[in-house]
Amino acid sequence: MRLWLFILFTCSLHARILDVVIVRGADGAEEYGKKFSTQVEAWKAACAKGEVPVEIISGAETAAKLEKRLAAAKPDRSLWLVLIGHGTFDGREAKFNAEGPDFEAKQLAGWLAPLKQEIVLIHNASSSGGFVRPLAGKGRIIITATKGPDEVFYARFGEYFAEAIGGLGDADIDQDRQVSILEAFRHASKAAAMFYENEGRLATEHALIEDNGDGVATRREVLEAPPAEAKLDGERASQLVLVLSDEEKKLTDEQRKKRDALEVELKKLKGQRVTLGDDEYYAKLEKLLRQLSEVYGSSRPAT
């Protein structure tokens, strides 16, 4: 009995406080339906690998089902919302094509407004860029397959993102044996661009990421060659992972939160080095590094 209680207690400490909700839109045509199904299955496999619960919303009255699900979201659990399907733009509003009534960016923003937990929206459809400004805000990470609502052709970005988020080696830029949201974004954006280049076609999609809450999203090309003193997106997205490495699994969600906050403080401190002077800078640096060491030290079993 004691052994089982110990196992249950340990599992609860390291359980992921995260839910993934996938919305599968209308097929439009059989060929696209197959592509959407492939993406959904890739996400399901990634969630299973990452030991994260996943829910699929599809079929008749998808919008109503999504509204109900978001209203029931638990405030103590982060939420990743993945939209897979087609999008449209009528010159005024960008919409996601669902079975039953479509829903627009303002509607989704309204459904999400009461939620205070961290929210990640990965919108893989055409015209998805129109969802950035209405949904951006503190504690939000918004990724879209297009740079605006007027990119209305089928977007391939989602195919590459679904493949990467499960831990694709080619997407692991920093070689830490796991793929962050930012790494998956960069991989999928580059892969989509290469598709059009290899086909000799004009690119009809340009993915965006927004995670600093200012409503101004950033393209991959800018992240890879950032202007001096630019306030870019991607910092928080670089810390979030669906499928954890073996080393990362040793930390609880609370330990990861503390580690992530300390890393942000370290980055700020490095930017203040010139104004602080060496003595103050190194004193603060030592304090932060000791705190980081305590986080990682507490994850190791006692000897």
C-alpha atoms as a PDB file:
ATOM      1  CA  MET A   1       0.000   0.000   0.000  1.00  0.00           C
ATOM      2  CA  ARG A   2       2.783   2.434   0.919  1.00  0.00           C
ATOM      3  CA  LEU A   3       4.505   1.727  -2.409  1.00  0.00           C
ATOM      4  CA  TRP A   4       1.353   2.494  -4.377  1.00  0.00           C
ATOM      5  CA  LEU A   5       0.774   5.699  -2.380  1.00  0.00           C
ATOM      6  CA  PHE A   6       4.349   6.764  -3.117  1.00  0.00           C
ATOM      7  CA  ILE A   7       3.878   6.086  -6.854  1.00  0.00           C
ATOM      8  CA  LEU A   8       0.592   8.015  -6.962  1.00  0.00           C
ATOM      9  CA  PHE A   9       2.107  10.928  -5.028  1.00  0.00           C
ATOM     10  CA  THR A  10       5.144  11.072  -7.321  1.00  0.00           C
ATOM     11  CA  CYS A  11       2.977  10.950 -10.466  1.00  0.00           C
ATOM     12  CA  SER A  12       0.773  13.769  -9.156  1.00  0.00           C
ATOM     13  CA  LEU A  13       3.839  15.939  -8.510  1.00  0.00           C
ATOM     14  CA  HIS A  14       5.032  15.593 -12.078  1.00  0.00           C
ATOM     15  CA  ALA A  15       1.633  15.558 -13.837  1.00  0.00           C
ATOM     16  CA  ARG A  16       1.306  18.122 -16.618  1.00  0.00           C
ATOM     17  CA  ILE A  17      -1.087  20.950 -15.748  1.00  0.00           C
ATOM     18  CA  LEU A  18      -2.041  21.367 -19.376  1.00  0.00           C
ATOM     19  CA  ASP A  19      -4.953  20.576 -21.683  1.00  0.00           C
ATOM     20  CA  VAL A  20      -4.866  20.469 -25.473  1.00  0.00           C
ATOM     21  CA  VAL A  21      -8.072  21.114 -27.414  1.00  0.00           C
ATOM     22  CA  ILE A  22      -8.037  20.520 -31.170  1.00  0.00           C
ATOM     23  CA  VAL A  23     -10.754  21.980 -33.379  1.00  0.00           C
ATOM     24  CA  ARG A  24     -11.098  20.232 -36.726  1.00  0.00           C
ATOM     25  CA  GLY A  25     -12.924  22.339 -39.251  1.00  0.00           C
ATOM     26  CA  ALA A  26     -14.914  21.453 -42.347  1.00  0.00           C
ATOM     27  CA  ASP A  27     -13.035  19.556 -45.068  1.00  0.00           C
ATOM     28  CA  GLY A  28     -14.103  21.656 -47.999  1.00  0.00           C
ATOM     29  CA  ALA A  29     -12.841  18.914 -50.326  1.00  0.00           C
ATOM     30  CA  GLU A  30     -11.758  15.303 -49.818  1.00  0.00           C
ATOM     31  CA  GLU A  31      -8.069  16.011 -50.449  1.00  0.00           C
ATOM     32  CA  TYR A  32      -8.014  18.612 -47.674  1.00  0.00           C
ATOM     33  CA  GLY A  33      -9.970  16.389 -45.330  1.00  0.00           C
ATOM     34  CA  LYS A  34      -7.194  13.802 -45.539  1.00  0.00           C
ATOM     35  CA  LYS A  35      -4.580  16.443 -44.777  1.00  0.00           C
ATOM     36  CA  PHE A  36      -6.544  17.687 -41.774  1.00  0.00           C
ATOM     37  CA  SER A  37      -6.996  14.151 -40.458  1.00  0.00           C
ATOM     38  CA  THR A  38      -3.251  13.546 -40.758  1.00  0.00           C
ATOM     39  CA  GLN A  39      -2.559  16.681 -38.718  1.00  0.00           C
ATOM     40  CA  VAL A  40      -5.049  15.673 -36.038  1.00  0.00           C
ATOM     41  CA  GLU A  41      -3.487  12.227 -35.745  1.00  0.00           C
ATOM     42  CA  ALA A  42       0.000  13.760 -35.462  1.00  0.00           C
ATOM     43  CA  TRP A  43      -1.192  15.992 -32.632  1.00  0.00           C
ATOM     44  CA  LYS A  44      -2.874  13.072 -30.875  1.00  0.00           C
ATOM     45  CA  ALA A  45       0.340  11.053 -31.090  1.00  0.00           C
ATOM     46  CA  ALA A  46       2.375  13.983 -29.753  1.00  0.00           C
ATOM     47  CA  CYS A  47      -0.016  14.486 -26.834  1.00  0.00           C
ATOM     48  CA  ALA A  48       0.120  10.775 -25.997  1.00  0.00           C
ATOM     49  CA  LYS A  49       3.917  10.932 -26.093  1.00  0.00           C
ATOM     50  CA  GLY A  50       3.904  14.028 -23.903  1.00  0.00           C
ATOM     51  CA  GLU A  51       1.339  12.516 -21.505  1.00  0.00           C
ATOM     52  CA  VAL A  52      -1.003  15.450 -22.031  1.00  0.00           C
ATOM     53  CA  PRO A  53      -4.802  15.066 -22.277  1.00  0.00           C
ATOM     54  CA  VAL A  54      -6.247  15.998 -25.660  1.00  0.00           C
ATOM     55  CA  GLU A  55      -9.799  16.606 -26.802  1.00  0.00           C
ATOM     56  CA  ILE A  56     -11.006  16.769 -30.415  1.00  0.00           C
ATOM     57  CA  ILE A  57     -13.923  19.029 -31.287  1.00  0.00           C
ATOM     58  CA  SER A  58     -15.499  18.483 -34.706  1.00  0.00           C
ATOM     59  CA  GLY A  59     -18.734  17.634 -36.470  1.00  0.00           C
ATOM     60  CA  ALA A  60     -22.055  19.445 -36.444  1.00  0.00           C
ATOM     61  CA  GLU A  61     -22.244  22.689 -34.442  1.00  0.00           C
ATOM     62  CA  THR A  62     -18.482  22.807 -33.849  1.00  0.00           C
ATOM     63  CA  ALA A  63     -18.592  26.463 -32.795  1.00  0.00           C
ATOM     64  CA  ALA A  64     -21.196  25.811 -30.111  1.00  0.00           C
ATOM     65  CA  LYS A  65     -19.203  22.841 -28.807  1.00  0.00           C
ATOM     66  CA  LEU A  66     -16.050  24.948 -28.630  1.00  0.00           C
ATOM     67  CA  GLU A  67     -17.805  27.776 -26.799  1.00  0.00           C
ATOM     68  CA  LYS A  68     -19.140  25.289 -24.242  1.00  0.00           C
ATOM     69  CA  ARG A  69     -15.730  23.633 -23.807  1.00  0.00           C
ATOM     70  CA  LEU A  70     -13.958  26.951 -23.228  1.00  0.00           C
ATOM     71  CA  ALA A  71     -16.575  27.996 -20.692  1.00  0.00           C
ATOM     72  CA  ALA A  72     -15.784  24.806 -18.760  1.00  0.00           C
ATOM     73  CA  ALA A  73     -11.984  25.282 -18.867  1.00  0.00           C
ATOM     74  CA  LYS A  74     -10.337  24.742 -15.493  1.00  0.00           C
ATOM     75  CA  PRO A  75      -8.601  27.920 -14.294  1.00  0.00           C
ATOM     76  CA  ASP A  76      -5.625  26.042 -12.851  1.00  0.00           C
ATOM     77  CA  ARG A  77      -4.734  24.376 -16.157  1.00  0.00           C
ATOM     78  CA  SER A  78      -2.975  25.960 -19.135  1.00  0.00           C
ATOM     79  CA  LEU A  79      -4.794  25.566 -22.427  1.00  0.00           C
ATOM     80  CA  TRP A  80      -3.449  24.936 -25.909  1.00  0.00           C
ATOM     81  CA  LEU A  81      -6.081  25.516 -28.597  1.00  0.00           C
ATOM     82  CA  VAL A  82      -5.227  24.137 -32.041  1.00  0.00           C
ATOM     83  CA  LEU A  83      -7.355  25.081 -35.063  1.00  0.00           C
ATOM     84  CA  ILE A  84      -7.007  22.783 -38.091  1.00  0.00           C
ATOM     85  CA  GLY A  85      -8.998  23.528 -41.223  1.00  0.00           C
ATOM     86  CA  HIS A  86      -9.825  26.296 -43.691  1.00  0.00           C
ATOM     87  CA  GLY A  87     -10.251  29.992 -43.079  1.00  0.00           C
ATOM     88  CA  THR A  88     -11.955  32.751 -45.045  1.00  0.00           C
ATOM     89  CA  PHE A  89     -11.972  36.543 -45.215  1.00  0.00           C
ATOM     90  CA  ASP A  90     -14.894  38.591 -46.502  1.00  0.00           C
ATOM     91  CA  GLY A  91     -13.042  41.896 -46.516  1.00  0.00           C
ATOM     92  CA  ARG A  92     -14.126  42.699 -42.973  1.00  0.00           C
ATOM     93  CA  GLU A  93     -13.813  39.634 -40.737  1.00  0.00           C
ATOM     94  CA  ALA A  94     -11.537  36.588 -40.751  1.00  0.00           C
ATOM     95  CA  LYS A  95     -13.396  33.370 -39.986  1.00  0.00           C
ATOM     96  CA  PHE A  96     -12.604  29.734 -39.249  1.00  0.00           C
ATOM     97  CA  ASN A  97     -14.671  27.351 -41.363  1.00  0.00           C
ATOM     98  CA  ALA A  98     -16.423  24.918 -39.038  1.00  0.00           C
ATOM     99  CA  GLU A  99     -19.110  22.355 -39.658  1.00  0.00           C
ATOM    100  CA  GLY A 100     -22.234  24.334 -38.952  1.00  0.00           C
ATOM    101  CA  PRO A 101     -21.802  28.097 -38.435  1.00  0.00           C
ATOM    102  CA  ASP A 102     -18.281  29.478 -38.887  1.00  0.00           C
ATOM    103  CA  PHE A 103     -16.784  31.562 -36.084  1.00  0.00           C
ATOM    104  CA  GLU A 104     -14.783  34.752 -36.383  1.00  0.00           C
ATOM    105  CA  ALA A 105     -11.874  36.176 -34.430  1.00  0.00           C
ATOM    106  CA  LYS A 106     -14.060  38.461 -32.302  1.00  0.00           C
ATOM    107  CA  GLN A 107     -16.275  35.556 -31.263  1.00  0.00           C
ATOM    108  CA  LEU A 108     -13.303  33.449 -30.212  1.00  0.00           C
ATOM    109  CA  ALA A 109     -11.835  36.422 -28.347  1.00  0.00           C
ATOM    110  CA  GLY A 110     -15.092  36.734 -26.441  1.00  0.00           C
ATOM    111  CA  TRP A 111     -15.115  33.052 -25.488  1.00  0.00           C
ATOM    112  CA  LEU A 112     -11.528  33.270 -24.265  1.00  0.00           C
ATOM    113  CA  ALA A 113     -11.925  36.597 -22.428  1.00  0.00           C
ATOM    114  CA  PRO A 114     -13.010  35.111 -19.059  1.00  0.00           C
ATOM    115  CA  LEU A 115     -10.038  32.708 -18.975  1.00  0.00           C
ATOM    116  CA  LYS A 116      -7.106  33.869 -16.859  1.00  0.00           C
ATOM    117  CA  GLN A 117      -4.719  30.939 -17.379  1.00  0.00           C
ATOM    118  CA  GLU A 118      -1.968  30.876 -19.981  1.00  0.00           C
ATOM    119  CA  ILE A 119      -3.397  30.210 -23.428  1.00  0.00           C
ATOM    120  CA  VAL A 120      -1.622  29.049 -26.570  1.00  0.00           C
ATOM    121  CA  LEU A 121      -3.521  29.411 -29.857  1.00  0.00           C
ATOM    122  CA  ILE A 122      -2.054  27.634 -32.870  1.00  0.00           C
ATOM    123  CA  HIS A 123      -4.225  28.621 -35.831  1.00  0.00           C
ATOM    124  CA  ASN A 124      -3.191  26.645 -38.899  1.00  0.00           C
ATOM    125  CA  ALA A 125      -5.802  27.807 -41.392  1.00  0.00           C
ATOM    126  CA  SER A 126      -5.749  30.274 -44.262  1.00  0.00           C
ATOM    127  CA  SER A 127      -6.683  33.849 -43.250  1.00  0.00           C
ATOM    128  CA  SER A 128      -5.551  33.029 -39.703  1.00  0.00           C
ATOM    129  CA  GLY A 129      -3.436  36.174 -39.472  1.00  0.00           C
ATOM    130  CA  GLY A 130      -6.649  38.091 -38.871  1.00  0.00           C
ATOM    131  CA  PHE A 131      -6.903  36.457 -35.444  1.00  0.00           C
ATOM    132  CA  VAL A 132      -3.701  37.947 -34.005  1.00  0.00           C
ATOM    133  CA  ARG A 133      -4.790  41.387 -32.796  1.00  0.00           C
ATOM    134  CA  PRO A 134      -8.234  40.373 -31.451  1.00  0.00           C
ATOM    135  CA  LEU A 135      -6.747  37.551 -29.373  1.00  0.00           C
ATOM    136  CA  ALA A 136      -3.334  38.899 -28.312  1.00  0.00           C
ATOM    137  CA  GLY A 137      -2.757  39.800 -24.684  1.00  0.00           C
ATOM    138  CA  LYS A 138      -0.859  39.050 -21.509  1.00  0.00           C
ATOM    139  CA  GLY A 139      -0.395  35.326 -20.958  1.00  0.00           C
ATOM    140  CA  ARG A 140      -1.247  34.530 -24.584  1.00  0.00           C
ATOM    141  CA  ILE A 141       0.858  32.918 -27.291  1.00  0.00           C
ATOM    142  CA  ILE A 142      -0.687  33.332 -30.740  1.00  0.00           C
ATOM    143  CA  ILE A 143       0.661  31.484 -33.789  1.00  0.00           C
ATOM    144  CA  THR A 144      -0.937  31.838 -37.209  1.00  0.00           C
ATOM    145  CA  ALA A 145      -0.174  30.264 -40.563  1.00  0.00           C
ATOM    146  CA  THR A 146      -0.612  33.552 -42.427  1.00  0.00           C
ATOM    147  CA  LYS A 147       0.509  37.138 -41.903  1.00  0.00           C
ATOM    148  CA  GLY A 148      -2.942  38.552 -42.492  1.00  0.00           C
ATOM    149  CA  PRO A 149      -6.551  37.684 -43.293  1.00  0.00           C
ATOM    150  CA  ASP A 150      -6.014  38.250 -47.013  1.00  0.00           C
ATOM    151  CA  GLU A 151      -3.779  35.172 -47.461  1.00  0.00           C
ATOM    152  CA  VAL A 152      -6.750  32.991 -48.318  1.00  0.00           C
ATOM    153  CA  PHE A 153      -5.225  29.939 -50.029  1.00  0.00           C
ATOM    154  CA  TYR A 154      -4.662  26.577 -48.321  1.00  0.00           C
ATOM    155  CA  ALA A 155      -1.844  26.882 -45.778  1.00  0.00           C
ATOM    156  CA  ARG A 156       0.707  24.076 -45.396  1.00  0.00           C
ATOM    157  CA  PHE A 157       2.208  25.476 -42.215  1.00  0.00           C
ATOM    158  CA  GLY A 158       0.044  23.261 -40.002  1.00  0.00           C
ATOM    159  CA  GLU A 159       1.321  20.074 -41.621  1.00  0.00           C
ATOM    160  CA  TYR A 160       4.904  20.900 -40.677  1.00  0.00           C
ATOM    161  CA  PHE A 161       4.023  22.227 -37.221  1.00  0.00           C
ATOM    162  CA  ALA A 162       2.097  19.064 -36.290  1.00  0.00           C
ATOM    163  CA  GLU A 163       5.091  17.001 -37.338  1.00  0.00           C
ATOM    164  CA  ALA A 164       7.567  19.119 -35.367  1.00  0.00           C
ATOM    165  CA  ILE A 165       5.747  19.547 -32.049  1.00  0.00           C
ATOM    166  CA  GLY A 166       5.996  15.821 -31.305  1.00  0.00           C
ATOM    167  CA  GLY A 167       9.766  16.122 -30.957  1.00  0.00           C
ATOM    168  CA  LEU A 168      11.085  16.065 -34.522  1.00  0.00           C
ATOM    169  CA  GLY A 169      14.893  15.993 -34.381  1.00  0.00           C
ATOM    170  CA  ASP A 170      15.302  18.410 -37.288  1.00  0.00           C
ATOM    171  CA  ALA A 171      13.223  20.994 -35.407  1.00  0.00           C
ATOM    172  CA  ASP A 172      15.311  20.795 -32.212  1.00  0.00           C
ATOM    173  CA  ILE A 173      17.456  23.850 -32.880  1.00  0.00           C
ATOM    174  CA  ASP A 174      19.216  24.000 -29.513  1.00  0.00           C
ATOM    175  CA  GLN A 175      19.695  20.207 -29.363  1.00  0.00           C
ATOM    176  CA  ASP A 176      18.151  19.795 -25.887  1.00  0.00           C
ATOM    177  CA  ARG A 177      16.201  16.714 -27.000  1.00  0.00           C
ATOM    178  CA  GLN A 178      12.839  18.456 -27.024  1.00  0.00           C
ATOM    179  CA  VAL A 179      11.020  20.859 -29.344  1.00  0.00           C
ATOM    180  CA  SER A 180       9.594  24.096 -27.976  1.00  0.00           C
ATOM    181  CA  ILE A 181       6.669  25.990 -29.486  1.00  0.00           C
ATOM    182  CA  LEU A 182       9.132  28.529 -30.879  1.00  0.00           C
ATOM    183  CA  GLU A 183      11.271  25.807 -32.471  1.00  0.00           C
ATOM    184  CA  ALA A 184       8.194  24.171 -34.016  1.00  0.00           C
ATOM    185  CA  PHE A 185       7.115  27.577 -35.352  1.00  0.00           C
ATOM    186  CA  ARG A 186      10.507  28.277 -36.889  1.00  0.00           C
ATOM    187  CA  HIS A 187      10.727  24.796 -38.408  1.00  0.00           C
ATOM    188  CA  ALA A 188       7.210  24.873 -39.880  1.00  0.00           C
ATOM    189  CA  SER A 189       7.595  28.408 -41.214  1.00  0.00           C
ATOM    190  CA  LYS A 190      10.879  27.559 -42.922  1.00  0.00           C
ATOM    191  CA  ALA A 191       9.540  24.260 -44.302  1.00  0.00           C
ATOM    192  CA  ALA A 192       6.513  26.031 -45.789  1.00  0.00           C
ATOM    193  CA  ALA A 193       8.743  28.660 -47.398  1.00  0.00           C
ATOM    194  CA  MET A 194      10.977  25.941 -48.868  1.00  0.00           C
ATOM    195  CA  PHE A 195       7.932  24.187 -50.337  1.00  0.00           C
ATOM    196  CA  TYR A 196       7.040  27.222 -52.439  1.00  0.00           C
ATOM    197  CA  GLU A 197      10.664  27.841 -53.362  1.00  0.00           C
ATOM    198  CA  ASN A 198      11.181  24.241 -54.503  1.00  0.00           C
ATOM    199  CA  GLU A 199       7.947  24.348 -56.486  1.00  0.00           C
ATOM    200  CA  GLY A 200       8.917  27.640 -58.110  1.00  0.00           C
ATOM    201  CA  ARG A 201       5.724  29.211 -56.815  1.00  0.00           C
ATOM    202  CA  LEU A 202       4.938  32.515 -55.155  1.00  0.00           C
ATOM    203  CA  ALA A 203       4.455  31.920 -51.424  1.00  0.00           C
ATOM    204  CA  THR A 204       0.858  32.469 -50.346  1.00  0.00           C
ATOM    205  CA  GLU A 205       1.421  32.039 -46.593  1.00  0.00           C
ATOM    206  CA  HIS A 206       3.755  33.705 -44.109  1.00  0.00           C
ATOM    207  CA  ALA A 207       3.426  32.493 -40.515  1.00  0.00           C
ATOM    208  CA  LEU A 208       3.432  34.789 -37.469  1.00  0.00           C
ATOM    209  CA  ILE A 209       4.083  34.455 -33.744  1.00  0.00           C
ATOM    210  CA  GLU A 210       2.957  36.864 -30.997  1.00  0.00           C
ATOM    211  CA  ASP A 211       3.714  36.154 -27.345  1.00  0.00           C
ATOM    212  CA  ASN A 212       4.633  39.459 -25.670  1.00  0.00           C
ATOM    213  CA  GLY A 213       1.084  40.809 -25.616  1.00  0.00           C
ATOM    214  CA  ASP A 214       1.580  43.919 -27.750  1.00  0.00           C
ATOM    215  CA  GLY A 215      -0.522  42.627 -30.656  1.00  0.00           C
ATOM    216  CA  VAL A 216       2.337  43.052 -33.115  1.00  0.00           C
ATOM    217  CA  ALA A 217       3.405  39.646 -34.412  1.00  0.00           C
ATOM    218  CA  THR A 218       6.801  38.589 -35.751  1.00  0.00           C
ATOM    219  CA  ARG A 219       7.855  36.507 -38.747  1.00  0.00           C
ATOM    220  CA  ARG A 220      10.567  33.832 -38.611  1.00  0.00           C
ATOM    221  CA  GLU A 221      12.903  35.797 -40.858  1.00  0.00           C
ATOM    222  CA  VAL A 222      12.948  38.677 -38.368  1.00  0.00           C
ATOM    223  CA  LEU A 223      13.634  36.330 -35.455  1.00  0.00           C
ATOM    224  CA  GLU A 224      16.637  34.906 -37.257  1.00  0.00           C
ATOM    225  CA  ALA A 225      18.108  38.354 -38.023  1.00  0.00           C
ATOM    226  CA  PRO A 226      16.647  40.660 -35.361  1.00  0.00           C
ATOM    227  CA  PRO A 227      17.130  44.432 -35.615  1.00  0.00           C
ATOM    228  CA  ALA A 228      19.071  46.055 -32.792  1.00  0.00           C
ATOM    229  CA  GLU A 229      16.981  46.829 -29.689  1.00  0.00           C
ATOM    230  CA  ALA A 230      13.905  45.294 -31.304  1.00  0.00           C
ATOM    231  CA  LYS A 231      11.131  44.039 -29.006  1.00  0.00           C
ATOM    232  CA  LEU A 232      10.571  40.644 -30.579  1.00  0.00           C
ATOM    233  CA  ASP A 233       8.244  37.785 -29.830  1.00  0.00           C
ATOM    234  CA  GLY A 234       9.291  34.239 -29.003  1.00  0.00           C
ATOM    235  CA  GLU A 235      10.723  34.448 -25.483  1.00  0.00           C
ATOM    236  CA  ARG A 236       7.830  32.696 -23.751  1.00  0.00           C
ATOM    237  CA  ALA A 237       7.217  30.349 -26.677  1.00  0.00           C
ATOM    238  CA  SER A 238      10.809  29.152 -26.363  1.00  0.00           C
ATOM    239  CA  GLN A 239      10.033  27.876 -22.853  1.00  0.00           C
ATOM    240  CA  LEU A 240       6.925  25.817 -23.614  1.00  0.00           C
ATOM    241  CA  VAL A 241       7.230  22.192 -24.731  1.00  0.00           C
ATOM    242  CA  LEU A 242       4.610  19.508 -25.408  1.00  0.00           C
ATOM    243  CA  VAL A 243       6.873  16.442 -25.340  1.00  0.00           C
ATOM    244  CA  LEU A 244       9.403  16.834 -22.538  1.00  0.00           C
ATOM    245  CA  SER A 245      12.920  15.428 -22.604  1.00  0.00           C
ATOM    246  CA  ASP A 246      13.913  12.906 -19.942  1.00  0.00           C
ATOM    247  CA  GLU A 247      15.796  15.656 -18.072  1.00  0.00           C
ATOM    248  CA  GLU A 248      12.818  18.031 -18.180  1.00  0.00           C
ATOM    249  CA  LYS A 249      10.502  15.330 -16.853  1.00  0.00           C
ATOM    250  CA  LYS A 250      12.439  15.360 -13.594  1.00  0.00           C
ATOM    251  CA  LEU A 251      11.014  18.807 -12.846  1.00  0.00           C
ATOM    252  CA  THR A 252       7.480  19.469 -11.664  1.00  0.00           C
ATOM    253  CA  ASP A 253       5.352  22.115 -13.397  1.00  0.00           C
ATOM    254  CA  GLU A 254       5.992  24.435 -10.437  1.00  0.00           C
ATOM    255  CA  GLN A 255       9.742  23.950 -10.738  1.00  0.00           C
ATOM    256  CA  ARG A 256       9.587  24.666 -14.462  1.00  0.00           C
ATOM    257  CA  LYS A 257       7.615  27.858 -13.802  1.00  0.00           C
ATOM    258  CA  LYS A 258      10.212  29.021 -11.294  1.00  0.00           C
ATOM    259  CA  ARG A 259      13.062  28.116 -13.665  1.00  0.00           C
ATOM    260  CA  ASP A 260      11.387  29.960 -16.546  1.00  0.00           C
ATOM    261  CA  ALA A 261      10.884  33.092 -14.427  1.00  0.00           C
ATOM    262  CA  LEU A 262      14.526  33.032 -13.323  1.00  0.00           C
ATOM    263  CA  GLU A 263      15.672  32.701 -16.932  1.00  0.00           C
ATOM    264  CA  VAL A 264      13.677  35.816 -17.827  1.00  0.00           C
ATOM    265  CA  GLU A 265      15.335  37.664 -14.939  1.00  0.00           C
ATOM    266  CA  LEU A 266      18.749  36.517 -16.174  1.00  0.00           C
ATOM    267  CA  LYS A 267      18.064  37.880 -19.631  1.00  0.00           C
ATOM    268  CA  LYS A 268      16.957  41.236 -18.202  1.00  0.00           C
ATOM    269  CA  LEU A 269      20.040  41.375 -15.992  1.00  0.00           C
ATOM    270  CA  LYS A 270      22.384  40.818 -18.932  1.00  0.00           C
ATOM    271  CA  GLY A 271      20.816  43.808 -20.653  1.00  0.00           C
ATOM    272  CA  GLN A 272      21.506  45.966 -17.586  1.00  0.00           C
ATOM    273  CA  ARG A 273      25.168  45.041 -17.201  1.00  0.00           C
ATOM    274  CA  VAL A 274      26.598  48.295 -18.537  1.00  0.00           C
ATOM    275  CA  THR A 275      24.419  50.505 -16.337  1.00  0.00           C
ATOM    276  CA  LEU A 276      24.833  48.388 -13.174  1.00  0.00           C
ATOM    277  CA  GLY A 277      28.604  48.098 -13.140  1.00  0.00           C
ATOM    278  CA  ASP A 278      30.571  44.920 -12.540  1.00  0.00           C
ATOM    279  CA  ASP A 279      30.178  44.611  -8.769  1.00  0.00           C
ATOM    280  CA  GLU A 280      26.397  44.941  -8.701  1.00  0.00           C
ATOM    281  CA  TYR A 281      25.988  42.918 -11.883  1.00  0.00           C
ATOM    282  CA  TYR A 282      27.982  39.936 -10.643  1.00  0.00           C
ATOM    283  CA  ALA A 283      26.296  40.015  -7.229  1.00  0.00           C
ATOM    284  CA  LYS A 284      22.864  39.812  -8.821  1.00  0.00           C
ATOM    285  CA  LEU A 285      24.079  37.226 -11.323  1.00  0.00           C
ATOM    286  CA  GLU A 286      25.389  34.979  -8.540  1.00  0.00           C
ATOM    287  CA  LYS A 287      22.074  35.216  -6.692  1.00  0.00           C
ATOM    288  CA  LEU A 288      20.067  34.192  -9.752  1.00  0.00           C
ATOM    289  CA  LEU A 289      22.429  31.352 -10.621  1.00  0.00           C
ATOM    290  CA  ARG A 290      22.187  30.023  -7.062  1.00  0.00           C
ATOM    291  CA  GLN A 291      18.399  30.081  -7.290  1.00  0.00           C
ATOM    292  CA  LEU A 292      18.540  28.217 -10.595  1.00  0.00           C
ATOM    293  CA  SER A 293      20.882  25.677  -9.072  1.00  0.00           C
ATOM    294  CA  GLU A 294      18.399  25.122  -6.246  1.00  0.00           C
ATOM    295  CA  VAL A 295      15.604  24.434  -8.747  1.00  0.00           C
ATOM    296  CA  TYR A 296      17.610  21.792 -10.557  1.00  0.00           C
ATOM    297  CA  GLY A 297      19.076  20.419  -7.329  1.00  0.00           C
ATOM    298  CA  SER A 298      15.616  19.852  -5.859  1.00  0.00           C
ATOM    299  CA  SER A 299      14.707  17.683  -8.858  1.00  0.00           C
ATOM    300  CA  ARG A 300      17.458  15.168  -8.129  1.00  0.00           C
ATOM    301  CA  PRO A 301      16.775  12.204  -5.835  1.00  0.00           C
ATOM    302  CA  ALA A 302      18.507  12.253  -2.466  1.00  0.00           C
ATOM    303  CA  THR A 303      21.605  10.083  -2.175  1.00  0.00           C
END
